[in-house]
Amino acid sequence: MKTALILFFIGTVDFIENGVVSAEITTSHRTIEEVELPVQLFPCEIRESDIFYFVYVDGVTEIRCGEPPR
């Protein structure tokens, strides 16, 4: 049985350059962290201002595009 736990890490793409995404991640403690991630980690085509979030499923952290389900 799959269990999904939505981590409270929601990101917004600032810009994309040379295959690297620069984004701001809002943590569960409402702090903002700046991160850089390879474009290849995203399961969708992304653009500036797009939203993504992280999900922990069966011991694996996944990036999902769009807003998290409510």
PDB file of N, CA and C in Angstrom:
ATOM      1  N   MET A   1       0.845  -1.179   0.000  1.00  0.00           N
ATOM      2  CA  MET A   1       0.000   0.000   0.000  1.00  0.00           C
ATOM      3  C   MET A   1       0.887   1.238   0.000  1.00  0.00           C
ATOM      4  N   LYS A   2       0.620   2.165  -0.885  1.00  0.00           N
ATOM      5  CA  LYS A   2       1.403   3.391  -0.962  1.00  0.00           C
ATOM      6  C   LYS A   2       0.857   4.414   0.006  1.00  0.00           C
ATOM      7  N   THR A   3       1.772   5.027   0.723  1.00  0.00           N
ATOM      8  CA  THR A   3       1.395   6.146   1.573  1.00  0.00           C
ATOM      9  C   THR A   3       2.120   7.372   1.074  1.00  0.00           C
ATOM     10  N   ALA A   4       1.412   8.459   1.023  1.00  0.00           N
ATOM     11  CA  ALA A   4       2.010   9.712   0.569  1.00  0.00           C
ATOM     12  C   ALA A   4       1.913  10.731   1.697  1.00  0.00           C
ATOM     13  N   LEU A   5       3.011  11.349   1.961  1.00  0.00           N
ATOM     14  CA  LEU A   5       3.056  12.412   2.951  1.00  0.00           C
ATOM     15  C   LEU A   5       3.556  13.644   2.229  1.00  0.00           C
ATOM     16  N   ILE A   6       2.750  14.676   2.197  1.00  0.00           N
ATOM     17  CA  ILE A   6       3.183  15.908   1.543  1.00  0.00           C
ATOM     18  C   ILE A   6       4.065  16.661   2.519  1.00  0.00           C
ATOM     19  N   LEU A   7       5.286  16.858   2.108  1.00  0.00           N
ATOM     20  CA  LEU A   7       6.195  17.660   2.905  1.00  0.00           C
ATOM     21  C   LEU A   7       5.793  19.113   2.708  1.00  0.00           C
ATOM     22  N   PHE A   8       6.019  19.896   3.695  1.00  0.00           N
ATOM     23  CA  PHE A   8       5.612  21.287   3.582  1.00  0.00           C
ATOM     24  C   PHE A   8       6.713  22.119   2.956  1.00  0.00           C
ATOM     25  N   PHE A   9       7.155  21.676   1.793  1.00  0.00           N
ATOM     26  CA  PHE A   9       8.129  22.406   1.005  1.00  0.00           C
ATOM     27  C   PHE A   9       7.470  22.733  -0.323  1.00  0.00           C
ATOM     28  N   ILE A  10       7.143  23.989  -0.505  1.00  0.00           N
ATOM     29  CA  ILE A  10       6.525  24.440  -1.745  1.00  0.00           C
ATOM     30  C   ILE A  10       7.490  25.412  -2.396  1.00  0.00           C
ATOM     31  N   GLY A  11       7.714  25.238  -3.689  1.00  0.00           N
ATOM     32  CA  GLY A  11       8.689  26.062  -4.381  1.00  0.00           C
ATOM     33  C   GLY A  11       8.092  26.889  -5.493  1.00  0.00           C
ATOM     34  N   THR A  12       8.776  27.968  -5.804  1.00  0.00           N
ATOM     35  CA  THR A  12       8.426  28.828  -6.926  1.00  0.00           C
ATOM     36  C   THR A  12       9.680  29.043  -7.759  1.00  0.00           C
ATOM     37  N   VAL A  13       9.562  28.817  -9.065  1.00  0.00           N
ATOM     38  CA  VAL A  13      10.696  28.980  -9.968  1.00  0.00           C
ATOM     39  C   VAL A  13      10.978  30.462 -10.152  1.00  0.00           C
ATOM     40  N   ASP A  14      12.223  30.868  -9.851  1.00  0.00           N
ATOM     41  CA  ASP A  14      12.634  32.253 -10.091  1.00  0.00           C
ATOM     42  C   ASP A  14      13.070  32.415 -11.545  1.00  0.00           C
ATOM     43  N   PHE A  15      14.055  31.592 -11.959  1.00  0.00           N
ATOM     44  CA  PHE A  15      14.504  31.623 -13.347  1.00  0.00           C
ATOM     45  C   PHE A  15      15.206  30.312 -13.684  1.00  0.00           C
ATOM     46  N   ILE A  16      15.370  30.079 -14.982  1.00  0.00           N
ATOM     47  CA  ILE A  16      16.023  28.881 -15.488  1.00  0.00           C
ATOM     48  C   ILE A  16      17.156  29.336 -16.396  1.00  0.00           C
ATOM     49  N   GLU A  17      18.359  28.811 -16.145  1.00  0.00           N
ATOM     50  CA  GLU A  17      19.518  29.194 -16.947  1.00  0.00           C
ATOM     51  C   GLU A  17      20.470  28.020 -17.050  1.00  0.00           C
ATOM     52  N   ASN A  18      20.866  27.696 -18.265  1.00  0.00           N
ATOM     53  CA  ASN A  18      21.833  26.615 -18.518  1.00  0.00           C
ATOM     54  C   ASN A  18      21.428  25.293 -17.871  1.00  0.00           C
ATOM     55  N   GLY A  19      20.147  24.964 -17.923  1.00  0.00           N
ATOM     56  CA  GLY A  19      19.675  23.693 -17.392  1.00  0.00           C
ATOM     57  C   GLY A  19      19.553  23.631 -15.885  1.00  0.00           C
ATOM     58  N   VAL A  20      19.660  24.786 -15.240  1.00  0.00           N
ATOM     59  CA  VAL A  20      19.553  24.835 -13.781  1.00  0.00           C
ATOM     60  C   VAL A  20      18.394  25.753 -13.396  1.00  0.00           C
ATOM     61  N   VAL A  21      17.559  25.257 -12.484  1.00  0.00           N
ATOM     62  CA  VAL A  21      16.420  26.018 -11.988  1.00  0.00           C
ATOM     63  C   VAL A  21      16.822  26.706 -10.689  1.00  0.00           C
ATOM     64  N   SER A  22      16.662  28.002 -10.628  1.00  0.00           N
ATOM     65  CA  SER A  22      16.853  28.748  -9.393  1.00  0.00           C
ATOM     66  C   SER A  22      15.457  28.981  -8.833  1.00  0.00           C
ATOM     67  N   ALA A  23      15.245  28.552  -7.581  1.00  0.00           N
ATOM     68  CA  ALA A  23      13.899  28.624  -7.008  1.00  0.00           C
ATOM     69  C   ALA A  23      13.958  29.023  -5.546  1.00  0.00           C
ATOM     70  N   GLU A  24      12.817  29.475  -5.058  1.00  0.00           N
ATOM     71  CA  GLU A  24      12.647  29.753  -3.637  1.00  0.00           C
ATOM     72  C   GLU A  24      11.736  28.683  -3.070  1.00  0.00           C
ATOM     73  N   ILE A  25      12.160  28.079  -1.973  1.00  0.00           N
ATOM     74  CA  ILE A  25      11.390  27.036  -1.307  1.00  0.00           C
ATOM     75  C   ILE A  25      10.891  27.598   0.018  1.00  0.00           C
ATOM     76  N   THR A  26       9.592  27.481   0.259  1.00  0.00           N
ATOM     77  CA  THR A  26       9.017  27.868   1.543  1.00  0.00           C
ATOM     78  C   THR A  26       8.891  26.605   2.384  1.00  0.00           C
ATOM     79  N   THR A  27       9.528  26.593   3.540  1.00  0.00           N
ATOM     80  CA  THR A  27       9.530  25.413   4.400  1.00  0.00           C
ATOM     81  C   THR A  27       8.318  25.401   5.320  1.00  0.00           C
ATOM     82  N   SER A  28       8.162  24.295   6.049  1.00  0.00           N
ATOM     83  CA  SER A  28       7.038  24.169   6.979  1.00  0.00           C
ATOM     84  C   SER A  28       7.127  25.188   8.112  1.00  0.00           C
ATOM     85  N   HIS A  29       8.317  25.736   8.334  1.00  0.00           N
ATOM     86  CA  HIS A  29       8.498  26.756   9.365  1.00  0.00           C
ATOM     87  C   HIS A  29       8.344  28.169   8.800  1.00  0.00           C
ATOM     88  N   ARG A  30       7.850  28.230   7.557  1.00  0.00           N
ATOM     89  CA  ARG A  30       7.606  29.492   6.856  1.00  0.00           C
ATOM     90  C   ARG A  30       8.877  30.315   6.627  1.00  0.00           C
ATOM     91  N   THR A  31       9.997  29.623   6.529  1.00  0.00           N
ATOM     92  CA  THR A  31      11.228  30.298   6.119  1.00  0.00           C
ATOM     93  C   THR A  31      11.410  30.076   4.627  1.00  0.00           C
ATOM     94  N   ILE A  32      12.109  30.984   3.985  1.00  0.00           N
ATOM     95  CA  ILE A  32      12.341  30.876   2.547  1.00  0.00           C
ATOM     96  C   ILE A  32      13.812  30.561   2.312  1.00  0.00           C
ATOM     97  N   GLU A  33      14.035  29.504   1.546  1.00  0.00           N
ATOM     98  CA  GLU A  33      15.389  29.073   1.197  1.00  0.00           C
ATOM     99  C   GLU A  33      15.548  29.171  -0.320  1.00  0.00           C
ATOM    100  N   GLU A  34      16.704  29.630  -0.759  1.00  0.00           N
ATOM    101  CA  GLU A  34      16.999  29.651  -2.190  1.00  0.00           C
ATOM    102  C   GLU A  34      17.748  28.379  -2.548  1.00  0.00           C
ATOM    103  N   VAL A  35      17.305  27.710  -3.624  1.00  0.00           N
ATOM    104  CA  VAL A  35      17.932  26.459  -4.057  1.00  0.00           C
ATOM    105  C   VAL A  35      18.161  26.488  -5.560  1.00  0.00           C
ATOM    106  N   GLU A  36      19.070  25.636  -6.003  1.00  0.00           N
ATOM    107  CA  GLU A  36      19.288  25.408  -7.427  1.00  0.00           C
ATOM    108  C   GLU A  36      19.134  23.916  -7.675  1.00  0.00           C
ATOM    109  N   LEU A  37      18.320  23.566  -8.668  1.00  0.00           N
ATOM    110  CA  LEU A  37      18.038  22.174  -8.996  1.00  0.00           C
ATOM    111  C   LEU A  37      18.177  21.971 -10.499  1.00  0.00           C
ATOM    112  N   PRO A  38      18.679  20.810 -10.934  1.00  0.00           N
ATOM    113  CA  PRO A  38      18.731  20.541 -12.373  1.00  0.00           C
ATOM    114  C   PRO A  38      17.324  20.445 -12.963  1.00  0.00           C
ATOM    115  N   VAL A  39      17.146  20.951 -14.154  1.00  0.00           N
ATOM    116  CA  VAL A  39      15.864  20.894 -14.843  1.00  0.00           C
ATOM    117  C   VAL A  39      15.387  19.448 -14.966  1.00  0.00           C
ATOM    118  N   GLN A  40      16.301  18.499 -15.117  1.00  0.00           N
ATOM    119  CA  GLN A  40      15.954  17.090 -15.310  1.00  0.00           C
ATOM    120  C   GLN A  40      15.197  16.493 -14.125  1.00  0.00           C
ATOM    121  N   LEU A  41      15.250  17.110 -12.951  1.00  0.00           N
ATOM    122  CA  LEU A  41      14.537  16.581 -11.793  1.00  0.00           C
ATOM    123  C   LEU A  41      13.033  16.842 -11.861  1.00  0.00           C
ATOM    124  N   PHE A  42      12.613  17.738 -12.730  1.00  0.00           N
ATOM    125  CA  PHE A  42      11.206  18.106 -12.813  1.00  0.00           C
ATOM    126  C   PHE A  42      10.478  17.200 -13.805  1.00  0.00           C
ATOM    127  N   PRO A  43       9.320  16.666 -13.402  1.00  0.00           N
ATOM    128  CA  PRO A  43       8.582  15.754 -14.270  1.00  0.00           C
ATOM    129  C   PRO A  43       7.678  16.467 -15.291  1.00  0.00           C
ATOM    130  N   CYS A  44       7.852  17.762 -15.423  1.00  0.00           N
ATOM    131  CA  CYS A  44       7.038  18.542 -16.352  1.00  0.00           C
ATOM    132  C   CYS A  44       7.895  19.649 -16.930  1.00  0.00           C
ATOM    133  N   GLU A  45       7.366  20.316 -17.938  1.00  0.00           N
ATOM    134  CA  GLU A  45       8.046  21.483 -18.475  1.00  0.00           C
ATOM    135  C   GLU A  45       7.750  22.649 -17.542  1.00  0.00           C
ATOM    136  N   ILE A  46       8.783  23.359 -17.123  1.00  0.00           N
ATOM    137  CA  ILE A  46       8.589  24.451 -16.170  1.00  0.00           C
ATOM    138  C   ILE A  46       9.014  25.780 -16.767  1.00  0.00           C
ATOM    139  N   ARG A  47       8.437  26.830 -16.213  1.00  0.00           N
ATOM    140  CA  ARG A  47       8.754  28.205 -16.621  1.00  0.00           C
ATOM    141  C   ARG A  47       8.892  29.054 -15.367  1.00  0.00           C
ATOM    142  N   GLU A  48       9.369  30.271 -15.557  1.00  0.00           N
ATOM    143  CA  GLU A  48       9.459  31.206 -14.440  1.00  0.00           C
ATOM    144  C   GLU A  48       8.090  31.384 -13.796  1.00  0.00           C
ATOM    145  N   SER A  49       8.065  31.473 -12.484  1.00  0.00           N
ATOM    146  CA  SER A  49       6.866  31.657 -11.653  1.00  0.00           C
ATOM    147  C   SER A  49       6.039  30.392 -11.454  1.00  0.00           C
ATOM    148  N   ASP A  50       6.426  29.264 -12.062  1.00  0.00           N
ATOM    149  CA  ASP A  50       5.696  28.016 -11.835  1.00  0.00           C
ATOM    150  C   ASP A  50       5.886  27.548 -10.396  1.00  0.00           C
ATOM    151  N   ILE A  51       4.882  26.839  -9.892  1.00  0.00           N
ATOM    152  CA  ILE A  51       4.902  26.316  -8.529  1.00  0.00           C
ATOM    153  C   ILE A  51       5.131  24.814  -8.576  1.00  0.00           C
ATOM    154  N   PHE A  52       5.862  24.303  -7.589  1.00  0.00           N
ATOM    155  CA  PHE A  52       6.077  22.869  -7.452  1.00  0.00           C
ATOM    156  C   PHE A  52       6.145  22.544  -5.971  1.00  0.00           C
ATOM    157  N   TYR A  53       6.072  21.255  -5.659  1.00  0.00           N
ATOM    158  CA  TYR A  53       6.156  20.840  -4.257  1.00  0.00           C
ATOM    159  C   TYR A  53       6.800  19.465  -4.172  1.00  0.00           C
ATOM    160  N   PHE A  54       7.145  19.071  -2.967  1.00  0.00           N
ATOM    161  CA  PHE A  54       7.802  17.798  -2.733  1.00  0.00           C
ATOM    162  C   PHE A  54       6.850  16.835  -2.034  1.00  0.00           C
ATOM    163  N   VAL A  55       6.900  15.552  -2.436  1.00  0.00           N
ATOM    164  CA  VAL A  55       6.097  14.499  -1.817  1.00  0.00           C
ATOM    165  C   VAL A  55       7.038  13.360  -1.454  1.00  0.00           C
ATOM    166  N   TYR A  56       6.799  12.762  -0.296  1.00  0.00           N
ATOM    167  CA  TYR A  56       7.587  11.627   0.168  1.00  0.00           C
ATOM    168  C   TYR A  56       6.709  10.379   0.031  1.00  0.00           C
ATOM    169  N   VAL A  57       7.059   9.473  -0.894  1.00  0.00           N
ATOM    170  CA  VAL A  57       6.265   8.275  -1.165  1.00  0.00           C
ATOM    171  C   VAL A  57       7.164   7.047  -1.090  1.00  0.00           C
ATOM    172  N   ASP A  58       6.824   6.112  -0.236  1.00  0.00           N
ATOM    173  CA  ASP A  58       7.571   4.849  -0.107  1.00  0.00           C
ATOM    174  C   ASP A  58       9.080   5.071  -0.016  1.00  0.00           C
ATOM    175  N   GLY A  59       9.486   6.016   0.789  1.00  0.00           N
ATOM    176  CA  GLY A  59      10.907   6.254   1.013  1.00  0.00           C
ATOM    177  C   GLY A  59      11.599   7.077  -0.060  1.00  0.00           C
ATOM    178  N   VAL A  60      10.842   7.604  -1.015  1.00  0.00           N
ATOM    179  CA  VAL A  60      11.426   8.380  -2.110  1.00  0.00           C
ATOM    180  C   VAL A  60      10.811   9.774  -2.115  1.00  0.00           C
ATOM    181  N   THR A  61      11.645  10.785  -2.242  1.00  0.00           N
ATOM    182  CA  THR A  61      11.157  12.156  -2.357  1.00  0.00           C
ATOM    183  C   THR A  61      10.968  12.476  -3.829  1.00  0.00           C
ATOM    184  N   GLU A  62       9.769  12.957  -4.180  1.00  0.00           N
ATOM    185  CA  GLU A  62       9.451  13.307  -5.557  1.00  0.00           C
ATOM    186  C   GLU A  62       9.120  14.784  -5.656  1.00  0.00           C
ATOM    187  N   ILE A  63       9.441  15.360  -6.810  1.00  0.00           N
ATOM    188  CA  ILE A  63       9.004  16.720  -7.114  1.00  0.00           C
ATOM    189  C   ILE A  63       7.755  16.594  -7.959  1.00  0.00           C
ATOM    190  N   ARG A  64       6.730  17.346  -7.608  1.00  0.00           N
ATOM    191  CA  ARG A  64       5.479  17.365  -8.373  1.00  0.00           C
ATOM    192  C   ARG A  64       5.195  18.799  -8.806  1.00  0.00           C
ATOM    193  N   CYS A  65       4.650  18.937  -9.975  1.00  0.00           N
ATOM    194  CA  CYS A  65       4.379  20.260 -10.542  1.00  0.00           C
ATOM    195  C   CYS A  65       2.996  20.757 -10.140  1.00  0.00           C
ATOM    196  N   GLY A  66       2.873  22.064 -10.022  1.00  0.00           N
ATOM    197  CA  GLY A  66       1.602  22.681  -9.659  1.00  0.00           C
ATOM    198  C   GLY A  66       1.481  22.828  -8.162  1.00  0.00           C
ATOM    199  N   GLU A  67       0.293  23.214  -7.735  1.00  0.00           N
ATOM    200  CA  GLU A  67       0.025  23.385  -6.305  1.00  0.00           C
ATOM    201  C   GLU A  67      -0.313  22.036  -5.678  1.00  0.00           C
ATOM    202  N   PRO A  68       0.040  21.841  -4.416  1.00  0.00           N
ATOM    203  CA  PRO A  68      -0.297  20.578  -3.753  1.00  0.00           C
ATOM    204  C   PRO A  68      -1.806  20.438  -3.578  1.00  0.00           C
ATOM    205  N   PRO A  69      -2.287  19.184  -3.563  1.00  0.00           N
ATOM    206  CA  PRO A  69      -3.720  18.987  -3.340  1.00  0.00           C
ATOM    207  C   PRO A  69      -4.097  19.457  -1.937  1.00  0.00           C
ATOM    208  N   ARG A  70      -5.304  19.846  -1.796  1.00  0.00           N
ATOM    209  CA  ARG A  70      -5.781  20.334  -0.481  1.00  0.00           C
ATOM    210  C   ARG A  70      -6.361  19.233   0.337  1.00  0.00           C
TER     211      ARG A  70
END
